[in-house]
Amino acid sequence: MSTQDQSELFNGTANVGLKDTRSVDGTDTRAIPAFVFGEELAELADHDPRIVVLTADLARSNRATDFANRHPDRFVNVGIAEKNMITMAAGMAASGYVPFAATFGAFAALLGAEQIRTDCAYPGMPVRVVGHHSGMSMGFYGTSHHSLEDIGMMRCIADLTVVCATDANHLRALLRLSLDQPGAMYIRLGRGRDPEVYPEVPDLRIGRAETVRDGADLTIIATGSEVHPALQAAEELAAGGVSARVVDMFTIAPLDRDAVLDAARTTGAVLTVEEGNVTGGLGTAVAECLFEAGVQVPFRRHGVPDEHVPVGPPAGLYTHYRLDGPGIAAVARDLLDSSKGTPA
């Protein structure tokens, strides 16, 4: 496309008829996680000369332009060369920098898995690989651009910290924490249009889950883009007399095992929710934790089944897979009903 770069197309600013109005209308761009990425790093870089940003021809999609405008000498657009970008970032990290290498989640985690493992995690390089537009947020572009396997893949890499941003303020907190986090990190951004969960920048600790709603009958352990609809589901369940706890398990590796076991021991059931393939992801991590601790509790993994999702608008896909508020509430009721021995 000679009249526009890739960033314009995938950011949705190109007039190609691929925008889903239900997914974008009414959202302040400053509250979009992918859009505060460059701004927050630019602010941090004003006081930290170690920070550099790399992107693979998607500076406008992830708003790395905000960083490039203020720190052009510390910004690199490598072009459509994601694997090379991650290796370049590792070299910069070996030279004393803290590089943030950003591209679509599917390209970062799937294309760059070897580089993340061998060049970043294995030698303990402080590279922050940022996978934005993950999950099904690239719905119109199909399987090649869906990032449903990244949680499962990244959590299997030794010495790699894996975190998922919940909303804009949450992302700001993660970026600040990442500056002094040892070793490599994979930072997963959701659909880029995530509603607010945290009205202010939260006080986080890597490896410690956040309980964003308390409850006694059920715990919904969600991550990233699914925390907000999990809260909506909890509201719907409360109207029917079900008290649901909602835990933001934003750190996938290392997992907060204490939060998982506490949920299993103090509430009646555990439901995990993630915008990704249930095979190997958050749900699998929680199941492993429960099994290894010998804790028995009604449990269900909820996310995308082990299949390639159809092409369509993200909002429609969330409804289709029951990953919106009403869908999660329905799955929770199924779990509770089945645990009582009644028909689901």
Foldseek 3Di string as FASTA:
>chain_A
DVPDFPQCVQLPVDPPPADDCVQDPPFDLLWFQLQCVLVLLLVVCVPPVQEAEEEARNCNSSVVVSNCVRCVVRYYHPHNDQQVQLLVQLVSLVVPHQYEYEDALLCNQVVNVVSCQPSFQVVFRNYEYEHEQEFCLSQQVFDSRHHFCRQLSQQPRPREWEFEAAINLSSSLVVVVSVPDTTYYYYYAYSRRADDLDPHNDDDDAQDKDWSFDFFAEEEEEEHRLQVLQVLLQVVVVVVVHTYIYIYQRTQVVGNLVVLVVRLVRHQEYEYEYSHEQPRHSLVSSVVSCVVVVGDHQYDYAYDYPDTDHRDHPVVSCVVRLSGNVSVNVVVVCSSCVVVVHHD
